Amino acid sequence: MKRLFILASLAALMFSPIVFASNSQATTSSYTSGSPQVCQFSLSHYTGTINSSSTKTFTVGLSCPQETDAYATVIVVIEGELVASEVVKVPAGKTKSTSTSINVGSSYNGKSYKLGVQ
């Protein structure tokens, strides 16, 4: 049952809008004065090469601090295939997570990857 939930979650991620960029921060947008600010997740980097079975360390950024912890799902895509994901916490009142990396296994060593976040 747990495996089915994980597969369904990963499938939902693949069909959801995901931020991909080339080594740049996602932009923050807001509406007219008086409207709530739109907060977005970003990553400290979006691409790299798998080394020692994992991605380079990265941080998840949040364009505006929240009163409660915020959680972002980060995915790793290699050769067009979703190979791993991890939920990363941005603590309440902060705009950046701690540094983390995602382990994908030694079979991907030397391969290029892309990260996505939502």
PDB file of N, CA and C in Angstrom:
ATOM      1  N   MET A   1       0.820  -1.187   0.000  1.00  0.00           N
ATOM      2  CA  MET A   1       0.000   0.000   0.000  1.00  0.00           C
ATOM      3  C   MET A   1       0.869   1.259   0.000  1.00  0.00           C
ATOM      4  N   LYS A   2       1.932   1.234   0.828  1.00  0.00           N
ATOM      5  CA  LYS A   2       2.827   2.379   0.898  1.00  0.00           C
ATOM      6  C   LYS A   2       3.492   2.610  -0.460  1.00  0.00           C
ATOM      7  N   ARG A   3       3.868   1.518  -1.131  1.00  0.00           N
ATOM      8  CA  ARG A   3       4.513   1.642  -2.444  1.00  0.00           C
ATOM      9  C   ARG A   3       3.567   2.266  -3.457  1.00  0.00           C
ATOM     10  N   LEU A   4       2.293   1.888  -3.415  1.00  0.00           N
ATOM     11  CA  LEU A   4       1.304   2.455  -4.319  1.00  0.00           C
ATOM     12  C   LEU A   4       1.150   3.955  -4.077  1.00  0.00           C
ATOM     13  N   PHE A   5       1.135   4.361  -2.801  1.00  0.00           N
ATOM     14  CA  PHE A   5       1.043   5.777  -2.464  1.00  0.00           C
ATOM     15  C   PHE A   5       2.240   6.547  -3.018  1.00  0.00           C
ATOM     16  N   ILE A   6       3.433   5.994  -2.857  1.00  0.00           N
ATOM     17  CA  ILE A   6       4.643   6.657  -3.345  1.00  0.00           C
ATOM     18  C   ILE A   6       4.597   6.781  -4.858  1.00  0.00           C
ATOM     19  N   LEU A   7       4.203   5.717  -5.554  1.00  0.00           N
ATOM     20  CA  LEU A   7       4.118   5.776  -7.017  1.00  0.00           C
ATOM     21  C   LEU A   7       3.079   6.797  -7.470  1.00  0.00           C
ATOM     22  N   ALA A   8       1.945   6.835  -6.787  1.00  0.00           N
ATOM     23  CA  ALA A   8       0.910   7.814  -7.140  1.00  0.00           C
ATOM     24  C   ALA A   8       1.414   9.236  -6.903  1.00  0.00           C
ATOM     25  N   SER A   9       2.151   9.434  -5.814  1.00  0.00           N
ATOM     26  CA  SER A   9       2.704  10.762  -5.515  1.00  0.00           C
ATOM     27  C   SER A   9       3.704  11.189  -6.575  1.00  0.00           C
ATOM     28  N   LEU A  10       4.565  10.270  -6.975  1.00  0.00           N
ATOM     29  CA  LEU A  10       5.556  10.597  -8.001  1.00  0.00           C
ATOM     30  C   LEU A  10       4.883  10.888  -9.335  1.00  0.00           C
ATOM     31  N   ALA A  11       3.837  10.135  -9.670  1.00  0.00           N
ATOM     32  CA  ALA A  11       3.112  10.391 -10.915  1.00  0.00           C
ATOM     33  C   ALA A  11       2.478  11.775 -10.875  1.00  0.00           C
ATOM     34  N   ALA A  12       1.920  12.152  -9.725  1.00  0.00           N
ATOM     35  CA  ALA A  12       1.315  13.481  -9.594  1.00  0.00           C
ATOM     36  C   ALA A  12       2.356  14.572  -9.789  1.00  0.00           C
ATOM     37  N   LEU A  13       3.560  14.350  -9.262  1.00  0.00           N
ATOM     38  CA  LEU A  13       4.633  15.337  -9.435  1.00  0.00           C
ATOM     39  C   LEU A  13       5.001  15.507 -10.900  1.00  0.00           C
ATOM     40  N   MET A  14       5.012  14.403 -11.626  1.00  0.00           N
ATOM     41  CA  MET A  14       5.421  14.470 -13.029  1.00  0.00           C
ATOM     42  C   MET A  14       4.434  15.279 -13.868  1.00  0.00           C
ATOM     43  N   PHE A  15       3.161  15.317 -13.448  1.00  0.00           N
ATOM     44  CA  PHE A  15       2.163  16.030 -14.222  1.00  0.00           C
ATOM     45  C   PHE A  15       1.816  17.379 -13.619  1.00  0.00           C
ATOM     46  N   SER A  16       2.517  17.781 -12.576  1.00  0.00           N
ATOM     47  CA  SER A  16       2.314  19.081 -11.949  1.00  0.00           C
ATOM     48  C   SER A  16       3.325  20.070 -12.517  1.00  0.00           C
ATOM     49  N   PRO A  17       3.009  21.365 -12.453  1.00  0.00           N
ATOM     50  CA  PRO A  17       4.007  22.334 -12.904  1.00  0.00           C
ATOM     51  C   PRO A  17       5.215  22.298 -11.965  1.00  0.00           C
ATOM     52  N   ILE A  18       6.385  22.152 -12.536  1.00  0.00           N
ATOM     53  CA  ILE A  18       7.623  22.084 -11.767  1.00  0.00           C
ATOM     54  C   ILE A  18       8.551  23.159 -12.294  1.00  0.00           C
ATOM     55  N   VAL A  19       9.269  23.804 -11.397  1.00  0.00           N
ATOM     56  CA  VAL A  19      10.182  24.864 -11.775  1.00  0.00           C
ATOM     57  C   VAL A  19      11.503  24.243 -12.228  1.00  0.00           C
ATOM     58  N   PHE A  20      11.867  24.442 -13.484  1.00  0.00           N
ATOM     59  CA  PHE A  20      13.179  24.080 -13.980  1.00  0.00           C
ATOM     60  C   PHE A  20      13.806  25.365 -14.504  1.00  0.00           C
ATOM     61  N   ALA A  21      15.027  25.591 -14.218  1.00  0.00           N
ATOM     62  CA  ALA A  21      15.722  26.778 -14.703  1.00  0.00           C
ATOM     63  C   ALA A  21      17.171  26.422 -14.926  1.00  0.00           C
ATOM     64  N   SER A  22      17.883  27.301 -15.571  1.00  0.00           N
ATOM     65  CA  SER A  22      19.294  27.034 -15.799  1.00  0.00           C
ATOM     66  C   SER A  22      20.130  27.910 -14.883  1.00  0.00           C
ATOM     67  N   ASN A  23      20.459  27.381 -13.720  1.00  0.00           N
ATOM     68  CA  ASN A  23      21.315  28.041 -12.738  1.00  0.00           C
ATOM     69  C   ASN A  23      20.877  29.446 -12.375  1.00  0.00           C
ATOM     70  N   SER A  24      19.575  29.659 -12.253  1.00  0.00           N
ATOM     71  CA  SER A  24      19.087  30.970 -11.840  1.00  0.00           C
ATOM     72  C   SER A  24      17.961  30.785 -10.844  1.00  0.00           C
ATOM     73  N   GLN A  25      17.703  31.800 -10.069  1.00  0.00           N
ATOM     74  CA  GLN A  25      16.637  31.756  -9.086  1.00  0.00           C
ATOM     75  C   GLN A  25      15.302  31.988  -9.783  1.00  0.00           C
ATOM     76  N   ALA A  26      14.260  31.334  -9.304  1.00  0.00           N
ATOM     77  CA  ALA A  26      12.915  31.588  -9.813  1.00  0.00           C
ATOM     78  C   ALA A  26      12.524  33.008  -9.399  1.00  0.00           C
ATOM     79  N   THR A  27      11.748  33.661 -10.223  1.00  0.00           N
ATOM     80  CA  THR A  27      11.367  35.030  -9.911  1.00  0.00           C
ATOM     81  C   THR A  27      10.138  35.068  -9.023  1.00  0.00           C
ATOM     82  N   THR A  28      10.031  36.101  -8.251  1.00  0.00           N
ATOM     83  CA  THR A  28       8.886  36.303  -7.371  1.00  0.00           C
ATOM     84  C   THR A  28       7.948  37.287  -8.043  1.00  0.00           C
ATOM     85  N   SER A  29       6.664  36.966  -8.018  1.00  0.00           N
ATOM     86  CA  SER A  29       5.707  37.901  -8.583  1.00  0.00           C
ATOM     87  C   SER A  29       4.684  38.262  -7.520  1.00  0.00           C
ATOM     88  N   SER A  30       4.118  39.424  -7.645  1.00  0.00           N
ATOM     89  CA  SER A  30       3.057  39.824  -6.722  1.00  0.00           C
ATOM     90  C   SER A  30       1.999  40.581  -7.503  1.00  0.00           C
ATOM     91  N   TYR A  31       0.838  40.681  -6.919  1.00  0.00           N
ATOM     92  CA  TYR A  31      -0.265  41.371  -7.566  1.00  0.00           C
ATOM     93  C   TYR A  31      -0.267  42.827  -7.150  1.00  0.00           C
ATOM     94  N   THR A  32      -1.343  43.513  -7.465  1.00  0.00           N
ATOM     95  CA  THR A  32      -1.437  44.928  -7.145  1.00  0.00           C
ATOM     96  C   THR A  32      -1.409  45.139  -5.639  1.00  0.00           C
ATOM     97  N   SER A  33      -1.170  46.355  -5.241  1.00  0.00           N
ATOM     98  CA  SER A  33      -1.079  46.707  -3.826  1.00  0.00           C
ATOM     99  C   SER A  33      -2.301  46.212  -3.067  1.00  0.00           C
ATOM    100  N   GLY A  34      -2.060  45.619  -1.903  1.00  0.00           N
ATOM    101  CA  GLY A  34      -3.150  45.107  -1.090  1.00  0.00           C
ATOM    102  C   GLY A  34      -3.443  43.640  -1.324  1.00  0.00           C
ATOM    103  N   SER A  35      -2.931  43.075  -2.414  1.00  0.00           N
ATOM    104  CA  SER A  35      -3.133  41.660  -2.686  1.00  0.00           C
ATOM    105  C   SER A  35      -2.046  40.855  -1.986  1.00  0.00           C
ATOM    106  N   PRO A  36      -2.331  39.603  -1.678  1.00  0.00           N
ATOM    107  CA  PRO A  36      -1.317  38.789  -1.014  1.00  0.00           C
ATOM    108  C   PRO A  36      -0.116  38.537  -1.922  1.00  0.00           C
ATOM    109  N   GLN A  37       1.037  38.413  -1.301  1.00  0.00           N
ATOM    110  CA  GLN A  37       2.257  38.149  -2.046  1.00  0.00           C
ATOM    111  C   GLN A  37       2.297  36.683  -2.443  1.00  0.00           C
ATOM    112  N   VAL A  38       2.775  36.401  -3.649  1.00  0.00           N
ATOM    113  CA  VAL A  38       2.922  35.034  -4.120  1.00  0.00           C
ATOM    114  C   VAL A  38       4.317  34.558  -3.729  1.00  0.00           C
ATOM    115  N   CYS A  39       4.373  33.491  -2.951  1.00  0.00           N
ATOM    116  CA  CYS A  39       5.655  32.946  -2.526  1.00  0.00           C
ATOM    117  C   CYS A  39       6.010  31.760  -3.412  1.00  0.00           C
ATOM    118  N   GLN A  40       7.272  31.670  -3.798  1.00  0.00           N
ATOM    119  CA  GLN A  40       7.707  30.600  -4.675  1.00  0.00           C
ATOM    120  C   GLN A  40       8.953  29.935  -4.122  1.00  0.00           C
ATOM    121  N   PHE A  41       9.088  28.652  -4.411  1.00  0.00           N
ATOM    122  CA  PHE A  41      10.300  27.923  -4.087  1.00  0.00           C
ATOM    123  C   PHE A  41      11.315  28.099  -5.205  1.00  0.00           C
ATOM    124  N   SER A  42      12.583  28.031  -4.850  1.00  0.00           N
ATOM    125  CA  SER A  42      13.674  28.035  -5.816  1.00  0.00           C
ATOM    126  C   SER A  42      14.761  27.121  -5.268  1.00  0.00           C
ATOM    127  N   LEU A  43      15.754  26.854  -6.082  1.00  0.00           N
ATOM    128  CA  LEU A  43      16.876  26.008  -5.675  1.00  0.00           C
ATOM    129  C   LEU A  43      18.175  26.762  -5.861  1.00  0.00           C
ATOM    130  N   SER A  44      19.179  26.431  -5.058  1.00  0.00           N
ATOM    131  CA  SER A  44      20.479  27.089  -5.199  1.00  0.00           C
ATOM    132  C   SER A  44      21.169  26.659  -6.485  1.00  0.00           C
ATOM    133  N   HIS A  45      20.834  25.479  -7.007  1.00  0.00           N
ATOM    134  CA  HIS A  45      21.254  25.077  -8.343  1.00  0.00           C
ATOM    135  C   HIS A  45      20.270  24.044  -8.877  1.00  0.00           C
ATOM    136  N   TYR A  46      20.201  23.938 -10.207  1.00  0.00           N
ATOM    137  CA  TYR A  46      19.211  23.090 -10.844  1.00  0.00           C
ATOM    138  C   TYR A  46      19.812  21.934 -11.646  1.00  0.00           C
ATOM    139  N   THR A  47      21.102  21.956 -11.875  1.00  0.00           N
ATOM    140  CA  THR A  47      21.734  20.908 -12.671  1.00  0.00           C
ATOM    141  C   THR A  47      23.064  20.513 -12.053  1.00  0.00           C
ATOM    142  N   GLY A  48      23.558  19.370 -12.470  1.00  0.00           N
ATOM    143  CA  GLY A  48      24.850  18.914 -11.988  1.00  0.00           C
ATOM    144  C   GLY A  48      25.141  17.514 -12.500  1.00  0.00           C
ATOM    145  N   THR A  49      26.164  16.910 -11.932  1.00  0.00           N
ATOM    146  CA  THR A  49      26.571  15.553 -12.281  1.00  0.00           C
ATOM    147  C   THR A  49      26.611  14.731 -11.004  1.00  0.00           C
ATOM    148  N   ILE A  50      26.032  13.540 -11.051  1.00  0.00           N
ATOM    149  CA  ILE A  50      26.009  12.657  -9.890  1.00  0.00           C
ATOM    150  C   ILE A  50      27.437  12.221  -9.568  1.00  0.00           C
ATOM    151  N   ASN A  51      27.814  12.369  -8.294  1.00  0.00           N
ATOM    152  CA  ASN A  51      29.135  11.986  -7.815  1.00  0.00           C
ATOM    153  C   ASN A  51      28.940  11.302  -6.464  1.00  0.00           C
ATOM    154  N   SER A  52      29.587  10.190  -6.248  1.00  0.00           N
ATOM    155  CA  SER A  52      29.448   9.435  -4.993  1.00  0.00           C
ATOM    156  C   SER A  52      27.987   9.115  -4.683  1.00  0.00           C
ATOM    157  N   SER A  53      27.251   8.745  -5.692  1.00  0.00           N
ATOM    158  CA  SER A  53      25.850   8.290  -5.595  1.00  0.00           C
ATOM    159  C   SER A  53      24.828   9.372  -5.274  1.00  0.00           C
ATOM    160  N   SER A  54      25.211  10.654  -5.251  1.00  0.00           N
ATOM    161  CA  SER A  54      24.231  11.684  -4.903  1.00  0.00           C
ATOM    162  C   SER A  54      24.454  12.983  -5.666  1.00  0.00           C
ATOM    163  N   THR A  55      23.462  13.865  -5.543  1.00  0.00           N
ATOM    164  CA  THR A  55      23.554  15.193  -6.144  1.00  0.00           C
ATOM    165  C   THR A  55      24.531  16.045  -5.339  1.00  0.00           C
ATOM    166  N   LYS A  56      24.906  17.182  -5.911  1.00  0.00           N
ATOM    167  CA  LYS A  56      25.635  18.179  -5.129  1.00  0.00           C
ATOM    168  C   LYS A  56      24.698  18.677  -4.041  1.00  0.00           C
ATOM    169  N   THR A  57      25.271  19.224  -2.965  1.00  0.00           N
ATOM    170  CA  THR A  57      24.397  19.790  -1.939  1.00  0.00           C
ATOM    171  C   THR A  57      23.716  21.035  -2.503  1.00  0.00           C
ATOM    172  N   PHE A  58      22.496  21.261  -2.069  1.00  0.00           N
ATOM    173  CA  PHE A  58      21.706  22.406  -2.519  1.00  0.00           C
ATOM    174  C   PHE A  58      20.845  22.884  -1.363  1.00  0.00           C
ATOM    175  N   THR A  59      20.310  24.078  -1.517  1.00  0.00           N
ATOM    176  CA  THR A  59      19.335  24.594  -0.570  1.00  0.00           C
ATOM    177  C   THR A  59      18.058  24.930  -1.331  1.00  0.00           C
ATOM    178  N   VAL A  60      16.941  24.851  -0.640  1.00  0.00           N
ATOM    179  CA  VAL A  60      15.654  25.278  -1.181  1.00  0.00           C
ATOM    180  C   VAL A  60      15.396  26.672  -0.643  1.00  0.00           C
ATOM    181  N   GLY A  61      15.124  27.606  -1.534  1.00  0.00           N
ATOM    182  CA  GLY A  61      14.796  28.971  -1.138  1.00  0.00           C
ATOM    183  C   GLY A  61      13.294  29.193  -1.187  1.00  0.00           C
ATOM    184  N   LEU A  62      12.820  30.120  -0.391  1.00  0.00           N
ATOM    185  CA  LEU A  62      11.415  30.507  -0.386  1.00  0.00           C
ATOM    186  C   LEU A  62      11.387  32.025  -0.462  1.00  0.00           C
ATOM    187  N   SER A  63      10.624  32.560  -1.399  1.00  0.00           N
ATOM    188  CA  SER A  63      10.676  33.996  -1.672  1.00  0.00           C
ATOM    189  C   SER A  63      10.110  34.863  -0.548  1.00  0.00           C
ATOM    190  N   CYS A  64       9.361  34.289   0.362  1.00  0.00           N
ATOM    191  CA  CYS A  64       8.875  35.058   1.511  1.00  0.00           C
ATOM    192  C   CYS A  64       8.714  34.116   2.703  1.00  0.00           C
ATOM    193  N   PRO A  65       9.167  34.550   3.884  1.00  0.00           N
ATOM    194  CA  PRO A  65       9.080  33.662   5.056  1.00  0.00           C
ATOM    195  C   PRO A  65       7.626  33.381   5.438  1.00  0.00           C
ATOM    196  N   GLN A  66       7.396  32.202   5.989  1.00  0.00           N
ATOM    197  CA  GLN A  66       6.064  31.779   6.415  1.00  0.00           C
ATOM    198  C   GLN A  66       6.006  31.669   7.932  1.00  0.00           C
ATOM    199  N   GLU A  67       4.813  31.741   8.498  1.00  0.00           N
ATOM    200  CA  GLU A  67       4.641  31.627   9.949  1.00  0.00           C
ATOM    201  C   GLU A  67       4.800  30.190  10.427  1.00  0.00           C
ATOM    202  N   THR A  68       4.608  29.237   9.522  1.00  0.00           N
ATOM    203  CA  THR A  68       4.786  27.822   9.849  1.00  0.00           C
ATOM    204  C   THR A  68       5.813  27.220   8.887  1.00  0.00           C
ATOM    205  N   ASP A  69       6.339  26.054   9.233  1.00  0.00           N
ATOM    206  CA  ASP A  69       7.283  25.382   8.350  1.00  0.00           C
ATOM    207  C   ASP A  69       6.650  25.176   6.974  1.00  0.00           C
ATOM    208  N   ALA A  70       7.452  25.348   5.930  1.00  0.00           N
ATOM    209  CA  ALA A  70       7.005  25.097   4.558  1.00  0.00           C
ATOM    210  C   ALA A  70       7.782  23.902   4.029  1.00  0.00           C
ATOM    211  N   TYR A  71       7.132  23.087   3.216  1.00  0.00           N
ATOM    212  CA  TYR A  71       7.747  21.882   2.688  1.00  0.00           C
ATOM    213  C   TYR A  71       7.719  21.904   1.171  1.00  0.00           C
ATOM    214  N   ALA A  72       8.867  21.622   0.566  1.00  0.00           N
ATOM    215  CA  ALA A  72       8.994  21.569  -0.887  1.00  0.00           C
ATOM    216  C   ALA A  72       9.402  20.161  -1.289  1.00  0.00           C
ATOM    217  N   THR A  73       8.859  19.680  -2.384  1.00  0.00           N
ATOM    218  CA  THR A  73       9.282  18.397  -2.938  1.00  0.00           C
ATOM    219  C   THR A  73      10.290  18.678  -4.040  1.00  0.00           C
ATOM    220  N   VAL A  74      11.475  18.099  -3.900  1.00  0.00           N
ATOM    221  CA  VAL A  74      12.542  18.257  -4.887  1.00  0.00           C
ATOM    222  C   VAL A  74      12.681  16.923  -5.610  1.00  0.00           C
ATOM    223  N   ILE A  75      12.687  16.962  -6.941  1.00  0.00           N
ATOM    224  CA  ILE A  75      12.843  15.737  -7.725  1.00  0.00           C
ATOM    225  C   ILE A  75      14.164  15.762  -8.477  1.00  0.00           C
ATOM    226  N   VAL A  76      14.668  14.559  -8.769  1.00  0.00           N
ATOM    227  CA  VAL A  76      15.884  14.388  -9.556  1.00  0.00           C
ATOM    228  C   VAL A  76      15.500  13.677 -10.846  1.00  0.00           C
ATOM    229  N   VAL A  77      15.821  14.298 -11.984  1.00  0.00           N
ATOM    230  CA  VAL A  77      15.532  13.723 -13.292  1.00  0.00           C
ATOM    231  C   VAL A  77      16.859  13.455 -13.997  1.00  0.00           C
ATOM    232  N   ILE A  78      17.041  12.209 -14.439  1.00  0.00           N
ATOM    233  CA  ILE A  78      18.238  11.811 -15.178  1.00  0.00           C
ATOM    234  C   ILE A  78      17.786  11.164 -16.477  1.00  0.00           C
ATOM    235  N   GLU A  79      18.284  11.692 -17.583  1.00  0.00           N
ATOM    236  CA  GLU A  79      17.934  11.188 -18.917  1.00  0.00           C
ATOM    237  C   GLU A  79      16.420  11.087 -19.102  1.00  0.00           C
ATOM    238  N   GLY A  80      15.698  12.105 -18.639  1.00  0.00           N
ATOM    239  CA  GLY A  80      14.254  12.164 -18.793  1.00  0.00           C
ATOM    240  C   GLY A  80      13.462  11.279 -17.846  1.00  0.00           C
ATOM    241  N   GLU A  81      14.123  10.599 -16.930  1.00  0.00           N
ATOM    242  CA  GLU A  81      13.457   9.691 -16.001  1.00  0.00           C
ATOM    243  C   GLU A  81      13.521  10.245 -14.576  1.00  0.00           C
ATOM    244  N   LEU A  82      12.389  10.237 -13.896  1.00  0.00           N
ATOM    245  CA  LEU A  82      12.346  10.625 -12.492  1.00  0.00           C
ATOM    246  C   LEU A  82      12.977   9.494 -11.686  1.00  0.00           C
ATOM    247  N   VAL A  83      14.110   9.769 -11.033  1.00  0.00           N
ATOM    248  CA  VAL A  83      14.829   8.705 -10.335  1.00  0.00           C
ATOM    249  C   VAL A  83      14.772   8.830  -8.822  1.00  0.00           C
ATOM    250  N   ALA A  84      14.446   9.993  -8.296  1.00  0.00           N
ATOM    251  CA  ALA A  84      14.386  10.160  -6.846  1.00  0.00           C
ATOM    252  C   ALA A  84      13.661  11.459  -6.523  1.00  0.00           C
ATOM    253  N   SER A  85      13.191  11.533  -5.279  1.00  0.00           N
ATOM    254  CA  SER A  85      12.597  12.770  -4.783  1.00  0.00           C
ATOM    255  C   SER A  85      12.794  12.830  -3.285  1.00  0.00           C
ATOM    256  N   GLU A  86      12.693  14.029  -2.763  1.00  0.00           N
ATOM    257  CA  GLU A  86      12.837  14.219  -1.324  1.00  0.00           C
ATOM    258  C   GLU A  86      12.054  15.455  -0.913  1.00  0.00           C
ATOM    259  N   VAL A  87      11.431  15.394   0.247  1.00  0.00           N
ATOM    260  CA  VAL A  87      10.732  16.545   0.815  1.00  0.00           C
ATOM    261  C   VAL A  87      11.727  17.306   1.682  1.00  0.00           C
ATOM    262  N   VAL A  88      11.825  18.613   1.442  1.00  0.00           N
ATOM    263  CA  VAL A  88      12.780  19.464   2.153  1.00  0.00           C
ATOM    264  C   VAL A  88      12.012  20.540   2.916  1.00  0.00           C
ATOM    265  N   LYS A  89      12.378  20.741   4.174  1.00  0.00           N
ATOM    266  CA  LYS A  89      11.690  21.714   5.027  1.00  0.00           C
ATOM    267  C   LYS A  89      12.416  23.055   5.021  1.00  0.00           C
ATOM    268  N   VAL A  90      11.628  24.115   4.828  1.00  0.00           N
ATOM    269  CA  VAL A  90      12.099  25.481   5.047  1.00  0.00           C
ATOM    270  C   VAL A  90      11.462  25.903   6.371  1.00  0.00           C
ATOM    271  N   PRO A  91      12.265  26.090   7.422  1.00  0.00           N
ATOM    272  CA  PRO A  91      11.706  26.378   8.745  1.00  0.00           C
ATOM    273  C   PRO A  91      10.895  27.672   8.787  1.00  0.00           C
ATOM    274  N   ALA A  92       9.940  27.714   9.699  1.00  0.00           N
ATOM    275  CA  ALA A  92       9.105  28.899   9.904  1.00  0.00           C
ATOM    276  C   ALA A  92       9.985  30.134  10.094  1.00  0.00           C
ATOM    277  N   GLY A  93       9.607  31.230   9.442  1.00  0.00           N
ATOM    278  CA  GLY A  93      10.330  32.485   9.572  1.00  0.00           C
ATOM    279  C   GLY A  93      11.597  32.572   8.746  1.00  0.00           C
ATOM    280  N   LYS A  94      11.968  31.513   8.055  1.00  0.00           N
ATOM    281  CA  LYS A  94      13.202  31.486   7.257  1.00  0.00           C
ATOM    282  C   LYS A  94      12.863  31.516   5.770  1.00  0.00           C
ATOM    283  N   THR A  95      13.875  31.829   4.963  1.00  0.00           N
ATOM    284  CA  THR A  95      13.693  31.824   3.512  1.00  0.00           C
ATOM    285  C   THR A  95      14.618  30.822   2.829  1.00  0.00           C
ATOM    286  N   LYS A  96      15.265  29.962   3.628  1.00  0.00           N
ATOM    287  CA  LYS A  96      16.175  28.985   3.045  1.00  0.00           C
ATOM    288  C   LYS A  96      16.235  27.744   3.933  1.00  0.00           C
ATOM    289  N   SER A  97      16.324  26.573   3.285  1.00  0.00           N
ATOM    290  CA  SER A  97      16.483  25.318   4.021  1.00  0.00           C
ATOM    291  C   SER A  97      17.950  25.122   4.381  1.00  0.00           C
ATOM    292  N   THR A  98      18.216  24.096   5.168  1.00  0.00           N
ATOM    293  CA  THR A  98      19.606  23.702   5.383  1.00  0.00           C
ATOM    294  C   THR A  98      20.101  23.026   4.109  1.00  0.00           C
ATOM    295  N   SER A  99      21.410  22.905   3.968  1.00  0.00           N
ATOM    296  CA  SER A  99      21.983  22.232   2.802  1.00  0.00           C
ATOM    297  C   SER A  99      21.658  20.748   2.846  1.00  0.00           C
ATOM    298  N   THR A 100      21.306  20.205   1.700  1.00  0.00           N
ATOM    299  CA  THR A 100      20.988  18.788   1.591  1.00  0.00           C
ATOM    300  C   THR A 100      21.389  18.278   0.220  1.00  0.00           C
ATOM    301  N   SER A 101      21.419  16.978   0.075  1.00  0.00           N
ATOM    302  CA  SER A 101      21.632  16.347  -1.222  1.00  0.00           C
ATOM    303  C   SER A 101      20.689  15.162  -1.299  1.00  0.00           C
ATOM    304  N   ILE A 102      20.516  14.615  -2.491  1.00  0.00           N
ATOM    305  CA  ILE A 102      19.623  13.478  -2.670  1.00  0.00           C
ATOM    306  C   ILE A 102      20.436  12.302  -3.190  1.00  0.00           C
ATOM    307  N   ASN A 103      20.341  11.187  -2.497  1.00  0.00           N
ATOM    308  CA  ASN A 103      21.045   9.973  -2.894  1.00  0.00           C
ATOM    309  C   ASN A 103      20.239   9.273  -3.983  1.00  0.00           C
ATOM    310  N   VAL A 104      20.907   8.944  -5.094  1.00  0.00           N
ATOM    311  CA  VAL A 104      20.227   8.280  -6.211  1.00  0.00           C
ATOM    312  C   VAL A 104      20.814   6.903  -6.517  1.00  0.00           C
ATOM    313  N   GLY A 105      21.896   6.543  -5.876  1.00  0.00           N
ATOM    314  CA  GLY A 105      22.510   5.239  -6.112  1.00  0.00           C
ATOM    315  C   GLY A 105      23.707   5.321  -7.042  1.00  0.00           C
ATOM    316  N   SER A 106      24.614   4.393  -6.863  1.00  0.00           N
ATOM    317  CA  SER A 106      25.887   4.421  -7.598  1.00  0.00           C
ATOM    318  C   SER A 106      25.738   4.137  -9.088  1.00  0.00           C
ATOM    319  N   SER A 107      24.642   3.551  -9.506  1.00  0.00           N
ATOM    320  CA  SER A 107      24.470   3.255 -10.940  1.00  0.00           C
ATOM    321  C   SER A 107      24.347   4.537 -11.772  1.00  0.00           C
ATOM    322  N   TYR A 108      24.091   5.677 -11.125  1.00  0.00           N
ATOM    323  CA  TYR A 108      23.963   6.951 -11.838  1.00  0.00           C
ATOM    324  C   TYR A 108      25.235   7.798 -11.761  1.00  0.00           C
ATOM    325  N   ASN A 109      26.292   7.312 -11.132  1.00  0.00           N
ATOM    326  CA  ASN A 109      27.542   8.083 -11.034  1.00  0.00           C
ATOM    327  C   ASN A 109      28.005   8.541 -12.412  1.00  0.00           C
ATOM    328  N   GLY A 110      28.374   9.824 -12.490  1.00  0.00           N
ATOM    329  CA  GLY A 110      28.867  10.398 -13.738  1.00  0.00           C
ATOM    330  C   GLY A 110      27.778  10.905 -14.675  1.00  0.00           C
ATOM    331  N   LYS A 111      26.525  10.693 -14.345  1.00  0.00           N
ATOM    332  CA  LYS A 111      25.429  11.139 -15.219  1.00  0.00           C
ATOM    333  C   LYS A 111      24.951  12.529 -14.809  1.00  0.00           C
ATOM    334  N   SER A 112      24.520  13.292 -15.796  1.00  0.00           N
ATOM    335  CA  SER A 112      23.975  14.633 -15.550  1.00  0.00           C
ATOM    336  C   SER A 112      22.560  14.517 -15.022  1.00  0.00           C
ATOM    337  N   TYR A 113      22.197  15.456 -14.155  1.00  0.00           N
ATOM    338  CA  TYR A 113      20.835  15.468 -13.600  1.00  0.00           C
ATOM    339  C   TYR A 113      20.265  16.868 -13.642  1.00  0.00           C
ATOM    340  N   LYS A 114      18.936  16.930 -13.520  1.00  0.00           N
ATOM    341  CA  LYS A 114      18.205  18.178 -13.338  1.00  0.00           C
ATOM    342  C   LYS A 114      17.377  18.041 -12.080  1.00  0.00           C
ATOM    343  N   LEU A 115      17.267  19.135 -11.334  1.00  0.00           N
ATOM    344  CA  LEU A 115      16.410  19.178 -10.160  1.00  0.00           C
ATOM    345  C   LEU A 115      15.174  20.001 -10.477  1.00  0.00           C
ATOM    346  N   GLY A 116      14.068  19.629  -9.902  1.00  0.00           N
ATOM    347  CA  GLY A 116      12.834  20.388  -9.997  1.00  0.00           C
ATOM    348  C   GLY A 116      12.287  20.565  -8.599  1.00  0.00           C
ATOM    349  N   VAL A 117      11.514  21.616  -8.384  1.00  0.00           N
ATOM    350  CA  VAL A 117      10.957  21.875  -7.056  1.00  0.00           C
ATOM    351  C   VAL A 117       9.528  22.373  -7.182  1.00  0.00           C
ATOM    352  N   GLN A 118       8.704  21.968  -6.210  1.00  0.00           N
ATOM    353  CA  GLN A 118       7.342  22.511  -6.114  1.00  0.00           C
ATOM    354  C   GLN A 118       6.920  22.526  -4.681  1.00  0.00           C
TER     355      GLN A 118
END
